[in-house]
Protein backbone atom coordinates (compact mmCIF):
# COMPACT_ATOMS: atom_id res chain seq x y z
CA UNK A 1 129.68 73.57 105.49
CA UNK A 2 131.94 75.98 104.19
CA UNK A 3 134.47 75.16 101.54
CA UNK A 4 138.27 76.05 102.61
CA UNK A 5 138.95 76.70 99.17
CA UNK A 6 136.81 78.14 95.68
CA UNK A 7 135.54 75.71 92.67
CA UNK A 8 135.72 77.58 89.71
CA UNK A 9 133.68 76.75 86.83
CA UNK A 10 133.48 77.86 83.42
CA UNK A 11 130.03 77.98 81.97
CA UNK A 12 131.02 77.13 77.96
CA UNK A 13 130.11 76.09 75.30
CA UNK A 14 131.26 76.82 71.45
CA UNK A 15 128.14 77.05 69.92
CA UNK A 16 126.57 80.67 70.59
CA UNK A 17 123.00 81.64 72.08
CA UNK A 18 122.51 78.51 73.88
CA UNK A 19 122.20 80.42 77.14
CA UNK A 20 125.62 80.64 78.79
CA UNK A 21 125.45 83.74 80.12
CA UNK A 22 121.91 83.48 81.60
CA UNK A 23 123.50 80.46 82.98
CA UNK A 24 126.50 81.97 84.37
CA UNK A 25 124.27 84.87 86.02
CA UNK A 26 121.46 82.67 86.93
CA UNK A 27 123.80 80.25 88.65
CA UNK A 28 125.61 82.65 90.72
CA UNK A 29 122.20 84.60 92.45
CA UNK A 30 120.81 81.25 93.07
CA UNK A 31 124.10 79.83 94.83
CA UNK A 32 124.26 83.18 96.67
CA UNK A 33 120.57 82.95 97.25
CA UNK A 34 121.28 79.10 98.89
CA UNK A 35 124.15 81.32 100.92
CA UNK A 36 127.01 80.41 99.19
CA UNK A 37 129.66 83.11 98.37
CA UNK A 38 130.16 83.99 94.76
CA UNK A 39 132.40 85.77 92.40
CA UNK A 40 131.56 85.70 88.69
CA UNK A 41 133.92 86.63 86.09
CA UNK A 42 132.92 87.87 82.73
CA UNK A 43 135.49 87.05 80.03
CA UNK A 44 132.97 88.25 77.27
CA UNK A 45 134.16 91.65 75.91
CA UNK A 46 130.81 92.15 75.09
CA UNK A 47 130.12 92.18 78.68
CA UNK A 48 126.19 90.80 78.95
CA UNK A 49 127.19 88.71 82.33
CA UNK A 50 128.51 92.29 83.46
CA UNK A 51 125.09 94.27 82.65
CA UNK A 52 122.95 91.22 83.62
CA UNK A 53 124.08 91.65 87.23
CA UNK A 54 122.97 94.51 87.22
CA UNK A 55 126.45 96.72 86.79
CA UNK A 56 126.41 99.29 84.27
CA UNK A 57 129.89 97.93 82.14
CA UNK A 58 130.34 101.78 80.82
CA UNK A 59 130.74 103.08 84.34
CA UNK A 60 133.28 100.48 85.32
CA UNK A 61 136.45 101.65 86.23
CA UNK A 62 138.33 98.99 86.69
CA UNK A 63 137.55 95.63 84.69
CA UNK A 64 139.13 92.23 84.30
CA UNK A 65 140.75 93.39 81.47
CA UNK A 66 143.19 95.28 84.02
CA UNK A 67 143.33 92.42 86.01
CA UNK A 68 144.48 90.28 83.09
CA UNK A 69 146.85 92.71 82.37
CA UNK A 70 148.41 92.91 86.12
CA UNK A 71 147.58 96.53 86.84
CA UNK A 72 144.79 95.83 89.05
CA UNK A 73 143.69 92.96 91.58
CA UNK A 74 140.43 90.60 91.49
CA UNK A 75 139.89 92.56 95.29
CA UNK A 76 140.61 96.19 93.44
CA UNK A 77 137.84 95.38 90.52
CA UNK A 78 135.52 93.81 91.47
CA UNK A 79 132.10 95.15 92.42
CA UNK A 80 128.36 94.50 93.48
CA UNK A 81 125.20 95.60 91.96
CA UNK A 82 123.26 97.13 94.62
CA UNK A 83 120.18 95.63 93.21
CA UNK A 84 121.34 92.45 93.82
CA UNK A 85 122.14 92.63 97.25
CA UNK A 86 118.89 94.48 97.90
CA UNK A 87 117.36 91.21 96.41
CA UNK A 88 119.63 89.41 98.85
CA UNK A 89 121.48 87.27 96.06
CA UNK A 90 124.38 89.45 96.20
CA UNK A 91 127.69 88.21 94.57
CA UNK A 92 130.83 89.73 93.37
CA UNK A 93 131.01 90.39 89.33
CA UNK A 94 134.62 91.33 87.68
CA UNK A 95 133.43 92.89 85.21
CA UNK A 96 133.54 93.35 81.41
CA UNK A 97 133.20 95.93 78.99
CA UNK A 98 135.10 96.18 75.02
CA UNK A 99 138.18 97.88 75.82
CA UNK A 100 138.25 93.07 76.65
CA UNK A 101 138.40 92.70 73.25
CA UNK A 102 142.20 94.44 73.13
CA UNK A 103 143.50 91.92 75.70
CA UNK A 104 143.52 89.49 72.63
CA UNK A 105 145.96 91.18 71.05
CA UNK A 106 148.27 92.44 73.87
CA UNK A 107 148.47 89.32 75.60
CA UNK A 108 149.83 87.34 72.99
CA UNK A 109 153.38 88.84 73.65
CA UNK A 110 152.80 88.66 77.39
CA UNK A 111 154.47 85.81 79.21
CA UNK A 112 152.35 83.74 81.03
CA UNK A 113 149.22 84.67 78.76
CA UNK A 114 147.31 81.94 79.50
CA UNK A 115 147.68 81.62 83.35
CA UNK A 116 146.91 85.27 84.01
CA UNK A 117 143.37 84.62 85.38
CA UNK A 118 144.86 81.73 86.95
CA UNK A 119 147.21 83.72 89.36
CA UNK A 120 145.27 86.76 90.32
CA UNK A 121 142.48 83.93 91.55
CA UNK A 122 145.02 82.36 93.76
CA UNK A 123 144.74 85.62 95.76
CA UNK A 124 140.98 85.88 96.87
CA UNK A 125 139.95 81.55 96.27
CA UNK A 126 139.56 82.04 100.39
CA UNK A 127 137.10 84.66 99.95
CA UNK A 128 134.84 82.18 97.95
CA UNK A 129 132.91 79.01 97.41
CA UNK A 130 132.13 79.70 94.02
CA UNK A 131 133.72 81.28 91.06
CA UNK A 132 131.95 80.74 87.81
CA UNK A 133 133.48 82.32 84.56
CA UNK A 134 131.63 83.71 81.70
CA UNK A 135 133.35 82.57 78.77
CA UNK A 136 133.23 83.81 75.22
CA UNK A 137 131.94 81.44 72.46
CA UNK A 138 134.80 81.24 70.73
CA UNK A 139 138.22 79.26 71.51
CA UNK A 140 140.51 82.53 72.52
CA UNK A 141 143.00 83.41 74.55
CA UNK A 142 140.37 84.75 76.66
CA UNK A 143 138.30 81.35 77.05
CA UNK A 144 141.90 79.85 77.54
CA UNK A 145 142.49 82.14 80.94
CA UNK A 146 139.23 80.60 82.03
CA UNK A 147 139.87 76.72 80.88
CA UNK A 148 143.22 77.04 82.67
CA UNK A 149 142.34 78.15 86.06
CA UNK A 150 139.09 76.42 86.36
CA UNK A 151 138.55 72.88 88.09
CA UNK A 152 135.53 72.10 85.56
CA UNK A 153 133.80 73.00 82.81
CA UNK A 154 129.65 73.24 82.72
CA UNK A 155 128.16 73.10 79.65
CA UNK A 156 124.61 74.53 79.19
CA UNK A 157 123.32 73.06 75.84
CA UNK A 158 119.73 72.83 74.19
CA UNK A 159 118.72 69.29 73.46
CA UNK A 160 118.41 69.94 69.85
CA UNK A 161 120.51 67.71 66.70
CA UNK A 162 123.24 70.38 66.03
CA UNK A 163 124.05 70.70 69.45
CA UNK A 164 125.54 67.46 69.74
CA UNK A 165 127.91 68.30 67.08
CA UNK A 166 129.40 71.56 68.93
CA UNK A 167 129.70 69.39 72.25
CA UNK A 168 132.26 66.99 70.24
CA UNK A 169 134.13 70.17 69.61
CA UNK A 170 134.38 71.47 73.25
CA UNK A 171 135.26 67.91 74.45
CA UNK A 172 138.13 67.79 72.07
CA UNK A 173 139.09 71.33 73.19
CA UNK A 174 138.77 70.14 76.79
CA UNK A 175 141.08 67.20 76.37
CA UNK A 176 143.97 69.38 74.70
CA UNK A 177 143.81 71.74 77.44
CA UNK A 178 143.58 68.82 80.09
CA UNK A 179 146.57 67.28 78.31
CA UNK A 180 148.80 70.36 78.02
CA UNK A 181 147.74 73.43 79.97
CA UNK A 182 145.64 72.26 83.27
CA UNK A 183 145.68 68.74 84.11
CA UNK A 184 142.32 69.40 87.06
CA UNK A 185 140.26 70.06 84.08
CA UNK A 186 137.16 67.98 83.12
CA UNK A 187 133.11 68.67 82.14
CA UNK A 188 131.66 68.75 85.52
CA UNK A 189 128.38 68.21 84.00
CA UNK A 190 125.52 69.44 80.99
CA UNK A 191 122.62 71.71 81.33
CA UNK A 192 119.76 70.82 79.94
CA UNK A 193 118.39 74.51 78.66
CA UNK A 194 115.50 76.32 77.05
CA UNK A 195 113.79 72.55 76.94
CA UNK A 196 110.69 71.95 76.10
CA UNK A 197 109.14 68.57 76.91
CA UNK A 198 106.30 69.31 74.48
CA UNK A 199 108.76 68.68 71.86
CA UNK A 200 109.49 64.73 70.79
CA UNK A 201 113.01 65.55 69.28
CA UNK A 202 114.10 67.45 72.32
CA UNK A 203 113.15 64.25 75.02
CA UNK A 204 114.96 61.81 72.60
CA UNK A 205 118.05 64.08 72.45
CA UNK A 206 117.46 64.64 76.28
CA UNK A 207 117.75 60.66 76.28
CA UNK A 208 120.26 60.79 74.02
CA UNK A 209 122.62 62.70 76.77
CA UNK A 210 121.80 60.75 79.67
CA UNK A 211 122.57 57.57 77.75
CA UNK A 212 126.37 58.76 76.73
CA UNK A 213 127.18 60.70 79.42
CA UNK A 214 125.14 59.41 82.33
CA UNK A 215 125.97 61.16 85.90
CA UNK A 216 127.75 63.89 83.78
CA UNK A 217 124.20 65.33 83.00
CA UNK A 218 122.51 67.33 85.66
CA UNK A 219 119.33 66.15 87.08
CA UNK A 220 117.74 69.55 86.92
CA UNK A 221 116.55 70.81 83.63
CA UNK A 222 116.26 74.35 83.00
CA UNK A 223 112.69 74.65 81.35
CA UNK A 224 112.55 77.44 78.82
CA UNK A 225 110.88 80.63 80.56
CA UNK A 226 109.62 83.87 78.78
CA UNK A 227 110.55 85.69 81.98
CA UNK A 228 114.29 84.38 82.39
CA UNK A 229 114.44 86.26 78.75
CA UNK A 230 112.98 89.17 79.84
CA UNK A 231 115.42 90.01 83.43
CA UNK A 232 118.39 90.86 81.55
CA UNK A 233 116.96 93.80 80.05
CA UNK A 234 115.94 95.24 83.50
CA UNK A 235 119.07 94.21 84.54
CA UNK A 236 119.09 91.89 86.90
CA UNK A 237 119.29 87.95 87.10
CA UNK A 238 115.45 85.97 86.47
CA UNK A 239 116.45 84.30 89.71
CA UNK A 240 115.70 88.00 91.35
CA UNK A 241 113.01 89.56 88.63
CA UNK A 242 110.60 86.65 88.78
CA UNK A 243 111.36 84.40 91.97
CA UNK A 244 108.15 82.63 91.14
CA UNK A 245 108.69 82.00 87.66
CA UNK A 246 109.38 78.15 86.76
CA UNK A 247 112.92 79.11 85.06
CA UNK A 248 114.31 80.96 88.21
CA UNK A 249 113.02 77.62 90.62
CA UNK A 250 114.88 75.85 88.37
CA UNK A 251 118.00 78.00 88.73
CA UNK A 252 117.85 77.54 92.84
CA UNK A 253 117.43 74.01 92.33
CA UNK A 254 120.61 73.85 89.98
CA UNK A 255 121.98 76.10 92.31
CA UNK A 256 121.73 73.56 95.17
CA UNK A 257 122.71 70.26 93.11
CA UNK A 258 125.93 72.03 92.90
CA UNK A 259 126.16 72.51 96.34
CA UNK A 260 125.39 69.25 97.12
CA UNK A 261 127.88 68.07 94.44
CA UNK A 262 130.89 69.77 95.71
CA UNK A 263 130.19 68.91 99.19
CA UNK A 264 130.47 65.41 98.66
CA UNK A 265 133.90 65.95 96.11
């Protein structure tokens, strides 16, 4: 069943190294694989989600930077990787490169500076079922643009002690954005990533999360998986790199869980 308008989700966590980009890229590929129309927006100047989707960020003529400065539309700037289409998990990519780091400074003096991405997405929201936004780890003007246009936030997190501290910061940020800039914003769910069931502490933290957040914790768990880690160096999502790996299968299952949740809502 096609949704009338795209569901827009930020993948965010203020703690670095928790697999935000891996989650964004593989969820995009997984959703495409189960028949959804997907736009992935790379809001990180490092451009890792762009490269991990098979697009050379250095060759991009237009990027999310141009969209934020309103010198290009999303329709003009989006690209699709041939590798993804060949692998039957094609999604559109609004890419990023180092140029984006300059947008921070340039946006400060502009009108509607935190609503630029929201405005741009209104023109294409009927063309997609899902829009996934890969946010940088810091709370910057770029992250704010993502949070201002999103219906919700997907939080990838490792089941480790310090992960819970980072989660508190993120929850506070989301509350502030919800109160002041985007009344629709909420945490959609917590995704347990890089999970190793053999480690007792991880199991304990996982149980704590479920006890505290209840159905906000996704049923799907993404295991620690070497093939997922190798995939970016080949410029493809893990879902496409090794479809039979446990990590790839978990992301396809997660994509289906997202579709099921959003069909009900």
